[in-house]
C-alpha atoms as a PDB file:
ATOM      1  CA  MET A   1      -8.978  76.427 -22.343  1.00  0.00           C
ATOM      2  CA  SER A   2     -10.579  77.381 -25.784  1.00  0.00           C
ATOM      3  CA  SER A   3     -10.739  74.726 -28.551  1.00  0.00           C
ATOM      4  CA  LEU A   4      -9.452  74.996 -32.006  1.00  0.00           C
ATOM      5  CA  PHE A   5     -12.897  73.579 -33.141  1.00  0.00           C
ATOM      6  CA  CYS A   6     -16.256  75.045 -33.014  1.00  0.00           C
ATOM      7  CA  MET A   7     -19.673  73.456 -33.360  1.00  0.00           C
ATOM      8  CA  ILE A   8     -21.626  74.271 -36.466  1.00  0.00           C
ATOM      9  CA  ASP A   9     -24.856  72.220 -36.702  1.00  0.00           C
ATOM     10  CA  ASP A  10     -23.560  68.805 -35.568  1.00  0.00           C
ATOM     11  CA  LYS A  11     -20.033  69.141 -36.868  1.00  0.00           C
ATOM     12  CA  HIS A  12     -16.809  69.974 -35.098  1.00  0.00           C
ATOM     13  CA  VAL A  13     -15.236  72.459 -37.456  1.00  0.00           C
ATOM     14  CA  PRO A  14     -11.488  73.547 -37.222  1.00  0.00           C
ATOM     15  CA  LEU A  15     -11.450  77.297 -36.877  1.00  0.00           C
ATOM     16  CA  TYR A  16      -8.582  77.595 -39.340  1.00  0.00           C
ATOM     17  CA  ARG A  17     -10.811  76.117 -42.197  1.00  0.00           C
ATOM     18  CA  ILE A  18     -13.237  79.082 -41.923  1.00  0.00           C
ATOM     19  CA  LEU A  19     -12.758  81.678 -44.782  1.00  0.00           C
ATOM     20  CA  TRP A  20     -15.710  83.998 -44.088  1.00  0.00           C
ATOM     21  CA  ILE A  21     -19.191  84.128 -42.443  1.00  0.00           C
ATOM     22  CA  SER A  22     -22.163  85.863 -43.808  1.00  0.00           C
ATOM     23  CA  ASP A  23     -23.458  88.951 -42.021  1.00  0.00           C
ATOM     24  CA  VAL A  24     -27.125  88.637 -43.279  1.00  0.00           C
ATOM     25  CA  PRO A  25     -29.277  85.610 -43.686  1.00  0.00           C
ATOM     26  CA  HIS A  26     -29.434  83.821 -47.189  1.00  0.00           C
ATOM     27  CA  PHE A  27     -32.202  84.813 -49.469  1.00  0.00           C
ATOM     28  CA  CYS A  28     -32.340  83.594 -53.113  1.00  0.00           C
ATOM     29  CA  GLY A  29     -36.109  83.365 -53.610  1.00  0.00           C
ATOM     30  CA  ALA A  30     -36.067  79.893 -54.973  1.00  0.00           C
ATOM     31  CA  ASP A  31     -38.940  77.699 -53.942  1.00  0.00           C
ATOM     32  CA  ASP A  32     -36.851  74.743 -53.199  1.00  0.00           C
ATOM     33  CA  CYS A  33     -34.133  76.488 -51.334  1.00  0.00           C
ATOM     34  CA  LEU A  34     -33.369  74.724 -47.933  1.00  0.00           C
ATOM     35  CA  CYS A  35     -30.939  77.425 -46.730  1.00  0.00           C
ATOM     36  CA  GLU A  36     -33.367  80.327 -46.788  1.00  0.00           C
ATOM     37  CA  GLY A  37     -32.954  82.542 -43.557  1.00  0.00           C
ATOM     38  CA  GLN A  38     -29.715  80.763 -42.495  1.00  0.00           C
ATOM     39  CA  TYR A  39     -26.296  82.152 -42.375  1.00  0.00           C
ATOM     40  CA  GLU A  40     -23.543  80.768 -44.491  1.00  0.00           C
ATOM     41  CA  VAL A  41     -20.139  79.828 -43.049  1.00  0.00           C
ATOM     42  CA  ARG A  42     -17.755  79.398 -46.037  1.00  0.00           C
ATOM     43  CA  LEU A  43     -15.009  76.755 -45.617  1.00  0.00           C
ATOM     44  CA  GLU A  44     -11.925  75.989 -47.763  1.00  0.00           C
ATOM     45  CA  GLN A  45     -12.359  74.206 -51.143  1.00  0.00           C
ATOM     46  CA  GLY A  46     -15.709  75.771 -51.772  1.00  0.00           C
ATOM     47  CA  GLU A  47     -17.621  73.999 -48.990  1.00  0.00           C
ATOM     48  CA  SER A  48     -20.234  75.792 -46.927  1.00  0.00           C
ATOM     49  CA  LEU A  49     -22.173  75.157 -43.799  1.00  0.00           C
ATOM     50  CA  TRP A  50     -25.348  76.775 -42.939  1.00  0.00           C
ATOM     51  CA  THR A  51     -26.398  77.881 -39.307  1.00  0.00           C
ATOM     52  CA  ASN A  52     -28.835  80.051 -37.280  1.00  0.00           C
ATOM     53  CA  ARG A  53     -27.922  83.440 -35.932  1.00  0.00           C
ATOM     54  CA  GLU A  54     -27.006  82.123 -32.455  1.00  0.00           C
ATOM     55  CA  GLU A  55     -24.410  79.544 -33.730  1.00  0.00           C
ATOM     56  CA  ARG A  56     -23.128  82.157 -36.184  1.00  0.00           C
ATOM     57  CA  ASP A  57     -22.388  84.562 -33.364  1.00  0.00           C
ATOM     58  CA  THR A  58     -20.814  81.787 -31.277  1.00  0.00           C
ATOM     59  CA  VAL A  59     -18.479  80.950 -34.342  1.00  0.00           C
ATOM     60  CA  ILE A  60     -17.515  84.598 -34.733  1.00  0.00           C
ATOM     61  CA  ALA A  61     -16.707  84.857 -31.026  1.00  0.00           C
ATOM     62  CA  ALA A  62     -14.574  81.704 -31.204  1.00  0.00           C
ATOM     63  CA  LEU A  63     -12.711  83.040 -34.249  1.00  0.00           C
ATOM     64  CA  GLU A  64     -12.074  86.294 -32.352  1.00  0.00           C
ATOM     65  CA  ARG A  65     -10.740  84.502 -29.264  1.00  0.00           C
ATOM     66  CA  TRP A  66      -8.451  82.255 -31.550  1.00  0.00           C
ATOM     67  CA  HIS A  67      -7.114  85.330 -33.359  1.00  0.00           C
ATOM     68  CA  ALA A  68      -6.262  87.087 -30.150  1.00  0.00           C
ATOM     69  CA  GLY A  69      -4.681  83.881 -28.738  1.00  0.00           C
ATOM     70  CA  ASP A  70      -6.863  83.894 -25.639  1.00  0.00           C
ATOM     71  CA  ASP A  71      -6.950  80.875 -23.398  1.00  0.00           C
ATOM     72  CA  PHE A  72      -4.958  78.582 -25.794  1.00  0.00           C
ATOM     73  CA  ASP A  73      -2.712  76.436 -23.816  1.00  0.00           C
ATOM     74  CA  ASP A  74       0.280  74.655 -25.285  1.00  0.00           C
ATOM     75  CA  VAL A  75      -0.154  71.083 -26.172  1.00  0.00           C
ATOM     76  CA  GLU A  76       1.149  68.980 -23.393  1.00  0.00           C
ATOM     77  CA  GLY A  77       4.636  67.653 -24.169  1.00  0.00           C
ATOM     78  CA  GLU A  78       5.255  69.978 -27.085  1.00  0.00           C
ATOM     79  CA  GLU A  79       8.145  72.296 -27.345  1.00  0.00           C
ATOM     80  CA  PRO A  80       7.448  76.057 -27.445  1.00  0.00           C
ATOM     81  CA  TRP A  81       8.073  77.827 -30.648  1.00  0.00           C
ATOM     82  CA  ASP A  82      10.092  80.668 -29.203  1.00  0.00           C
END
């Protein structure tokens, strides 16, 4: 069964909160930038998380599975929405 959460860094993030994911690593050229070379995962309310390429690809795969409805079981005891 797939989860409605994915791991980004050390956080369990609900997939439905993700708005977009950068395709290229961050580069702003600022000397004090801590996100240089990482990928941005934009969440609701202007929040962002930063991750490496491997985690970014894992998040994208989780979103694709969630969108397709793959492997998501009904919550036990819940009525179906039919």
